[in-house]
N, C-alpha and C. Protein backbone atom coordinates (compact mmCIF):
# COMPACT_ATOMS: atom_id res chain seq x y z
N MET A 1 82.92 88.67 110.16
CA MET A 1 82.07 89.77 109.77
C MET A 1 80.79 89.27 109.11
N ASP A 2 80.90 88.23 108.30
CA ASP A 2 79.71 87.69 107.66
C ASP A 2 78.72 87.14 108.68
N TRP A 3 79.25 86.64 109.80
CA TRP A 3 78.37 86.10 110.83
C TRP A 3 77.54 87.22 111.45
N PHE A 4 78.15 88.37 111.66
CA PHE A 4 77.42 89.50 112.23
C PHE A 4 76.37 90.04 111.26
N ILE A 5 76.68 90.02 109.99
CA ILE A 5 75.70 90.44 108.99
C ILE A 5 74.53 89.48 108.96
N SER A 6 74.82 88.18 109.02
CA SER A 6 73.75 87.18 109.05
C SER A 6 72.89 87.33 110.31
N LEU A 7 73.55 87.62 111.42
CA LEU A 7 72.81 87.84 112.66
C LEU A 7 71.95 89.09 112.58
N ALA A 8 72.49 90.15 112.00
CA ALA A 8 71.73 91.39 111.86
C ALA A 8 70.52 91.23 110.96
N ILE A 9 70.62 90.35 109.99
CA ILE A 9 69.48 90.10 109.10
C ILE A 9 68.50 89.13 109.75
N ALA A 10 69.01 88.16 110.50
CA ALA A 10 68.14 87.14 111.09
C ALA A 10 67.28 87.67 112.23
N ILE A 11 67.79 88.58 113.01
CA ILE A 11 67.06 89.05 114.19
C ILE A 11 65.71 89.66 113.84
N PRO A 12 65.60 90.59 112.88
CA PRO A 12 64.27 91.15 112.58
C PRO A 12 63.31 90.12 112.00
N PHE A 13 63.82 89.19 111.17
CA PHE A 13 62.94 88.19 110.60
C PHE A 13 62.45 87.19 111.64
N VAL A 14 63.31 86.82 112.58
CA VAL A 14 62.88 85.94 113.67
C VAL A 14 61.85 86.66 114.54
N ALA A 15 62.08 87.93 114.80
CA ALA A 15 61.11 88.71 115.59
C ALA A 15 59.77 88.81 114.87
N LEU A 16 59.80 89.05 113.57
CA LEU A 16 58.55 89.13 112.81
C LEU A 16 57.83 87.79 112.79
N GLY A 17 58.57 86.71 112.56
CA GLY A 17 57.96 85.38 112.56
C GLY A 17 57.38 85.03 113.91
N THR A 18 58.07 85.37 114.98
CA THR A 18 57.56 85.10 116.33
C THR A 18 56.30 85.90 116.60
N ALA A 19 56.27 87.15 116.17
CA ALA A 19 55.08 87.98 116.36
C ALA A 19 53.89 87.42 115.58
N ILE A 20 54.15 86.89 114.39
CA ILE A 20 53.06 86.31 113.60
C ILE A 20 52.56 85.03 114.25
N VAL A 21 53.47 84.16 114.66
CA VAL A 21 53.08 82.87 115.24
C VAL A 21 52.33 83.07 116.55
N ARG A 22 52.80 83.98 117.40
CA ARG A 22 52.18 84.18 118.72
C ARG A 22 51.02 85.18 118.68
N ASP A 23 50.75 85.79 117.54
CA ASP A 23 49.70 86.80 117.38
C ASP A 23 49.92 87.96 118.33
N CYS A 24 51.15 88.43 118.36
CA CYS A 24 51.53 89.54 119.23
C CYS A 24 50.82 90.82 118.78
N ARG A 25 50.07 91.42 119.68
CA ARG A 25 49.31 92.65 119.43
C ARG A 25 48.36 92.54 118.23
N GLY A 26 47.86 91.34 118.00
CA GLY A 26 46.89 91.15 116.93
C GLY A 26 47.48 91.17 115.54
N LEU A 27 48.78 90.91 115.42
CA LEU A 27 49.43 90.99 114.11
C LEU A 27 48.88 89.94 113.16
N ARG A 28 48.77 88.68 113.63
CA ARG A 28 48.27 87.62 112.75
C ARG A 28 46.81 87.86 112.39
N SER A 29 46.01 88.22 113.36
CA SER A 29 44.59 88.41 113.08
C SER A 29 44.31 89.65 112.24
N SER A 30 45.28 90.56 112.16
CA SER A 30 45.05 91.75 111.33
C SER A 30 45.07 91.44 109.85
N PHE A 31 45.60 90.28 109.46
CA PHE A 31 45.64 89.92 108.05
C PHE A 31 44.28 89.48 107.52
N TYR A 32 43.41 88.99 108.38
CA TYR A 32 42.13 88.48 107.88
C TYR A 32 40.91 89.05 108.58
N GLN A 33 41.08 90.06 109.41
CA GLN A 33 39.91 90.62 110.08
C GLN A 33 39.24 91.67 109.19
N PRO A 34 37.95 91.87 109.39
CA PRO A 34 37.26 92.94 108.65
C PRO A 34 37.77 94.30 109.12
N ARG A 35 37.44 95.32 108.38
CA ARG A 35 37.94 96.66 108.72
C ARG A 35 37.45 97.13 110.09
N ILE A 36 36.22 96.81 110.42
CA ILE A 36 35.66 97.23 111.72
C ILE A 36 35.18 95.97 112.43
N GLY A 37 35.57 95.83 113.68
CA GLY A 37 35.10 94.71 114.47
C GLY A 37 36.16 93.63 114.64
N PRO A 38 35.85 92.67 115.49
CA PRO A 38 36.81 91.60 115.77
C PRO A 38 36.86 90.60 114.61
N PRO A 39 37.95 89.83 114.51
CA PRO A 39 38.03 88.82 113.45
C PRO A 39 37.04 87.69 113.70
N SER A 40 36.55 87.11 112.64
CA SER A 40 35.57 86.03 112.79
C SER A 40 36.28 84.71 113.02
N GLU A 41 35.57 83.78 113.63
CA GLU A 41 36.13 82.45 113.89
C GLU A 41 36.33 81.67 112.60
N ALA A 42 35.45 81.87 111.63
CA ALA A 42 35.60 81.17 110.34
C ALA A 42 36.87 81.61 109.63
N ALA A 43 37.17 82.90 109.70
CA ALA A 43 38.40 83.39 109.08
C ALA A 43 39.62 82.86 109.80
N GLU A 44 39.54 82.75 111.12
CA GLU A 44 40.66 82.18 111.89
C GLU A 44 40.91 80.73 111.49
N GLN A 45 39.83 79.98 111.32
CA GLN A 45 39.99 78.58 110.93
C GLN A 45 40.51 78.46 109.50
N ARG A 46 40.09 79.35 108.63
CA ARG A 46 40.48 79.27 107.23
C ARG A 46 41.90 79.76 107.00
N TYR A 47 42.26 80.89 107.59
CA TYR A 47 43.55 81.51 107.29
C TYR A 47 44.57 81.40 108.41
N GLY A 48 44.16 81.02 109.60
CA GLY A 48 45.06 81.00 110.74
C GLY A 48 46.24 80.06 110.56
N ARG A 49 45.99 78.87 110.05
CA ARG A 49 47.07 77.90 109.86
C ARG A 49 48.09 78.39 108.83
N VAL A 50 47.58 78.96 107.74
CA VAL A 50 48.48 79.43 106.68
C VAL A 50 49.36 80.57 107.18
N ILE A 51 48.77 81.48 107.91
CA ILE A 51 49.54 82.62 108.41
C ILE A 51 50.54 82.18 109.46
N ARG A 52 50.16 81.21 110.32
CA ARG A 52 51.12 80.66 111.28
C ARG A 52 52.28 79.98 110.56
N LEU A 53 51.96 79.27 109.48
CA LEU A 53 53.01 78.61 108.69
C LEU A 53 53.96 79.64 108.08
N VAL A 54 53.42 80.75 107.62
CA VAL A 54 54.27 81.83 107.09
C VAL A 54 55.18 82.37 108.19
N GLY A 55 54.65 82.48 109.40
CA GLY A 55 55.49 82.92 110.53
C GLY A 55 56.64 81.97 110.79
N TRP A 56 56.34 80.67 110.76
CA TRP A 56 57.41 79.68 110.96
C TRP A 56 58.42 79.71 109.82
N VAL A 57 57.96 79.99 108.61
CA VAL A 57 58.89 80.10 107.48
C VAL A 57 59.83 81.28 107.69
N PHE A 58 59.32 82.39 108.18
CA PHE A 58 60.19 83.53 108.50
C PHE A 58 61.24 83.14 109.53
N ILE A 59 60.83 82.39 110.55
CA ILE A 59 61.77 82.01 111.60
C ILE A 59 62.83 81.05 111.07
N VAL A 60 62.40 79.98 110.42
CA VAL A 60 63.32 78.93 110.00
C VAL A 60 64.26 79.39 108.89
N LEU A 61 63.71 80.04 107.86
CA LEU A 61 64.55 80.44 106.74
C LEU A 61 65.57 81.51 107.12
N SER A 62 65.25 82.33 108.10
CA SER A 62 66.22 83.34 108.50
C SER A 62 67.34 82.75 109.35
N LEU A 63 67.15 81.57 109.92
CA LEU A 63 68.19 80.95 110.72
C LEU A 63 69.16 80.11 109.89
N TYR A 64 68.78 79.74 108.67
CA TYR A 64 69.68 78.94 107.82
C TYR A 64 70.99 79.65 107.51
N PRO A 65 70.99 80.91 107.05
CA PRO A 65 72.29 81.56 106.80
C PRO A 65 73.13 81.72 108.06
N LEU A 66 72.48 81.95 109.19
CA LEU A 66 73.21 82.08 110.45
C LEU A 66 73.87 80.76 110.82
N ALA A 67 73.17 79.65 110.62
CA ALA A 67 73.74 78.33 110.90
C ALA A 67 74.89 78.03 109.93
N ALA A 68 74.71 78.39 108.67
CA ALA A 68 75.77 78.14 107.69
C ALA A 68 77.02 78.95 108.01
N GLU A 69 76.84 80.20 108.40
CA GLU A 69 78.00 81.03 108.75
C GLU A 69 78.68 80.54 110.02
N THR A 70 77.90 80.02 110.96
CA THR A 70 78.48 79.48 112.19
C THR A 70 79.31 78.24 111.87
N ILE A 71 78.81 77.38 111.01
CA ILE A 71 79.57 76.19 110.62
C ILE A 71 80.84 76.59 109.88
N ARG A 72 80.73 77.56 108.98
CA ARG A 72 81.91 78.03 108.24
C ARG A 72 82.93 78.69 109.16
N LEU A 73 82.45 79.28 110.23
CA LEU A 73 83.34 79.94 111.18
C LEU A 73 84.25 78.94 111.89
N PHE A 74 83.71 77.77 112.20
CA PHE A 74 84.46 76.79 112.96
C PHE A 74 85.16 75.75 112.09
N LEU A 75 84.99 75.78 110.80
CA LEU A 75 85.68 74.81 109.93
C LEU A 75 87.00 75.32 109.47
């Protein structure tokens, strides 16, 4: 049961992290774009790496409990 709970929690966070990393529907660029108009290249260079890193943190940290529960399941 704990494995299913970990999976239920991990799926939305992995989806959110993937959307941030891949800039799905402009999600990543919406964090640093001006209110009207397209995001600037300077803002992409300044904040793009940090926001991508946050996306990877969402992906990796949400998989740790799932991996731990999988290991506990088979031990």
